[in-house]
Amino acid sequence: MEQLQFPELVDIETLARLLGVGERYVRRMVSERRVPIVKVGHYVRFDLADIRNWVEQQRRPDAS
């Protein structure tokens, strides 16, 4: 039988810690739809694979 692969989901507190920002800032990004989310019922969760891709897209090119 094939095993299902579920995404690794984290909550707001964990994402804030991983990004080195406050929970309030993460909540603001969610409300402004600036970060990818997964809704599980009324809970907001973040797929770490989506977050990694999102972080890469936020990189700025070198100034040189």
N, C-alpha and C. Protein backbone atom coordinates (compact mmCIF):
# COMPACT_ATOMS: atom_id res chain seq x y z
N MET A 1 0.84 -1.19 0.00
CA MET A 1 0.00 0.00 0.00
C MET A 1 0.88 1.25 0.00
N GLU A 2 0.52 2.21 -0.83
CA GLU A 2 1.30 3.44 -0.95
C GLU A 2 1.05 4.35 0.25
N GLN A 3 2.12 4.89 0.80
CA GLN A 3 2.01 5.80 1.95
C GLN A 3 1.77 7.21 1.46
N LEU A 4 0.85 7.90 2.12
CA LEU A 4 0.58 9.30 1.78
C LEU A 4 1.66 10.18 2.38
N GLN A 5 2.06 11.19 1.63
CA GLN A 5 3.05 12.15 2.10
C GLN A 5 2.33 13.45 2.45
N PHE A 6 2.31 13.79 3.71
CA PHE A 6 1.70 15.04 4.14
C PHE A 6 2.76 16.13 4.22
N PRO A 7 2.36 17.36 3.91
CA PRO A 7 3.33 18.46 4.05
C PRO A 7 3.64 18.70 5.52
N GLU A 8 4.82 19.23 5.77
CA GLU A 8 5.20 19.58 7.14
C GLU A 8 4.61 20.96 7.44
N LEU A 9 3.61 20.99 8.29
CA LEU A 9 2.91 22.23 8.61
C LEU A 9 3.35 22.75 9.96
N VAL A 10 3.51 24.08 10.05
CA VAL A 10 3.88 24.72 11.31
C VAL A 10 2.88 25.84 11.60
N ASP A 11 2.83 26.24 12.85
CA ASP A 11 1.92 27.31 13.26
C ASP A 11 2.62 28.67 13.22
N ILE A 12 1.87 29.70 13.57
CA ILE A 12 2.40 31.08 13.52
C ILE A 12 3.60 31.25 14.43
N GLU A 13 3.51 30.73 15.63
CA GLU A 13 4.61 30.87 16.59
C GLU A 13 5.90 30.25 16.05
N THR A 14 5.79 29.06 15.47
CA THR A 14 6.97 28.38 14.94
C THR A 14 7.55 29.13 13.74
N LEU A 15 6.67 29.58 12.85
CA LEU A 15 7.16 30.33 11.68
C LEU A 15 7.86 31.62 12.11
N ALA A 16 7.29 32.32 13.07
CA ALA A 16 7.91 33.55 13.55
C ALA A 16 9.31 33.26 14.09
N ARG A 17 9.45 32.19 14.83
CA ARG A 17 10.75 31.82 15.38
C ARG A 17 11.73 31.47 14.26
N LEU A 18 11.26 30.71 13.25
CA LEU A 18 12.14 30.33 12.14
C LEU A 18 12.61 31.54 11.34
N LEU A 19 11.72 32.52 11.15
CA LEU A 19 12.06 33.70 10.37
C LEU A 19 12.77 34.78 11.20
N GLY A 20 12.75 34.62 12.51
CA GLY A 20 13.38 35.62 13.37
C GLY A 20 12.59 36.90 13.47
N VAL A 21 11.27 36.79 13.40
CA VAL A 21 10.38 37.95 13.51
C VAL A 21 9.33 37.66 14.58
N GLY A 22 8.54 38.68 14.90
CA GLY A 22 7.50 38.51 15.90
C GLY A 22 6.24 37.87 15.33
N GLU A 23 5.47 37.27 16.21
CA GLU A 23 4.20 36.65 15.79
C GLU A 23 3.27 37.70 15.18
N ARG A 24 3.29 38.89 15.74
CA ARG A 24 2.43 39.97 15.23
C ARG A 24 2.74 40.28 13.77
N TYR A 25 4.02 40.28 13.43
CA TYR A 25 4.43 40.54 12.05
C TYR A 25 3.93 39.43 11.12
N VAL A 26 4.04 38.17 11.55
CA VAL A 26 3.55 37.05 10.74
C VAL A 26 2.04 37.18 10.54
N ARG A 27 1.31 37.52 11.61
CA ARG A 27 -0.14 37.70 11.49
C ARG A 27 -0.48 38.81 10.49
N ARG A 28 0.30 39.86 10.50
CA ARG A 28 0.07 40.96 9.55
C ARG A 28 0.31 40.49 8.12
N MET A 29 1.39 39.73 7.90
CA MET A 29 1.66 39.20 6.56
C MET A 29 0.53 38.29 6.09
N VAL A 30 -0.03 37.51 7.00
CA VAL A 30 -1.16 36.64 6.67
C VAL A 30 -2.36 37.48 6.27
N SER A 31 -2.68 38.49 7.07
CA SER A 31 -3.86 39.31 6.78
C SER A 31 -3.70 40.09 5.48
N GLU A 32 -2.47 40.43 5.12
CA GLU A 32 -2.19 41.14 3.87
C GLU A 32 -1.96 40.17 2.71
N ARG A 33 -2.09 38.88 2.97
CA ARG A 33 -1.91 37.82 1.96
C ARG A 33 -0.54 37.89 1.28
N ARG A 34 0.48 38.16 2.09
CA ARG A 34 1.84 38.28 1.57
C ARG A 34 2.65 37.00 1.74
N VAL A 35 2.09 36.01 2.43
CA VAL A 35 2.79 34.76 2.70
C VAL A 35 1.82 33.61 2.43
N PRO A 36 2.32 32.50 1.85
CA PRO A 36 1.42 31.37 1.55
C PRO A 36 0.97 30.66 2.83
N ILE A 37 -0.32 30.36 2.92
CA ILE A 37 -0.87 29.69 4.09
C ILE A 37 -1.66 28.45 3.67
N VAL A 38 -1.92 27.60 4.66
CA VAL A 38 -2.81 26.46 4.52
C VAL A 38 -3.84 26.59 5.63
N LYS A 39 -5.11 26.53 5.26
CA LYS A 39 -6.17 26.59 6.27
C LYS A 39 -6.55 25.16 6.64
N VAL A 40 -6.53 24.86 7.93
CA VAL A 40 -6.99 23.58 8.46
C VAL A 40 -8.13 23.92 9.40
N GLY A 41 -9.35 23.83 8.89
CA GLY A 41 -10.49 24.33 9.66
C GLY A 41 -10.35 25.83 9.77
N HIS A 42 -10.37 26.33 10.99
CA HIS A 42 -10.17 27.77 11.18
C HIS A 42 -8.74 28.11 11.60
N TYR A 43 -7.87 27.09 11.59
CA TYR A 43 -6.47 27.30 11.95
C TYR A 43 -5.65 27.69 10.72
N VAL A 44 -4.68 28.57 10.93
CA VAL A 44 -3.74 28.95 9.87
C VAL A 44 -2.45 28.19 10.11
N ARG A 45 -2.01 27.50 9.08
CA ARG A 45 -0.75 26.76 9.14
C ARG A 45 0.07 27.11 7.92
N PHE A 46 1.35 26.78 7.97
CA PHE A 46 2.28 27.11 6.90
C PHE A 46 3.00 25.84 6.48
N ASP A 47 3.01 25.55 5.18
CA ASP A 47 3.74 24.42 4.63
C ASP A 47 5.20 24.86 4.49
N LEU A 48 6.11 24.16 5.15
CA LEU A 48 7.51 24.58 5.15
C LEU A 48 8.11 24.59 3.74
N ALA A 49 7.67 23.71 2.86
CA ALA A 49 8.17 23.73 1.48
C ALA A 49 7.74 25.02 0.78
N ASP A 50 6.48 25.42 0.98
CA ASP A 50 6.00 26.69 0.40
C ASP A 50 6.75 27.87 0.98
N ILE A 51 7.02 27.83 2.27
CA ILE A 51 7.73 28.94 2.93
C ILE A 51 9.16 29.04 2.40
N ARG A 52 9.83 27.89 2.22
CA ARG A 52 11.19 27.92 1.66
C ARG A 52 11.19 28.58 0.28
N ASN A 53 10.24 28.20 -0.56
CA ASN A 53 10.14 28.81 -1.90
C ASN A 53 9.85 30.30 -1.80
N TRP A 54 8.95 30.67 -0.90
CA TRP A 54 8.59 32.07 -0.70
C TRP A 54 9.82 32.88 -0.26
N VAL A 55 10.59 32.33 0.67
CA VAL A 55 11.80 33.02 1.15
C VAL A 55 12.77 33.22 -0.01
N GLU A 56 12.95 32.21 -0.85
CA GLU A 56 13.85 32.35 -2.00
C GLU A 56 13.38 33.46 -2.94
N GLN A 57 12.07 33.59 -3.11
CA GLN A 57 11.53 34.64 -3.98
C GLN A 57 11.73 36.03 -3.39
N GLN A 58 11.90 36.12 -2.08
CA GLN A 58 12.08 37.41 -1.42
C GLN A 58 13.51 37.92 -1.49
N ARG A 59 14.44 37.07 -1.92
CA ARG A 59 15.85 37.47 -1.99
C ARG A 59 16.04 38.62 -2.97
N ARG A 60 16.90 39.52 -2.63
CA ARG A 60 17.25 40.66 -3.50
C ARG A 60 18.58 40.34 -4.16
N PRO A 61 18.74 40.73 -5.43
CA PRO A 61 20.05 40.51 -6.08
C PRO A 61 21.13 41.36 -5.42
N ASP A 62 22.35 40.91 -5.54
CA ASP A 62 23.49 41.67 -5.00
C ASP A 62 23.57 43.04 -5.66
N ALA A 63 24.02 44.02 -4.91
CA ALA A 63 24.13 45.39 -5.42
C ALA A 63 25.32 45.55 -6.37
N SER A 64 26.27 44.62 -6.32
CA SER A 64 27.48 44.78 -7.15
C SER A 64 27.31 44.36 -8.56
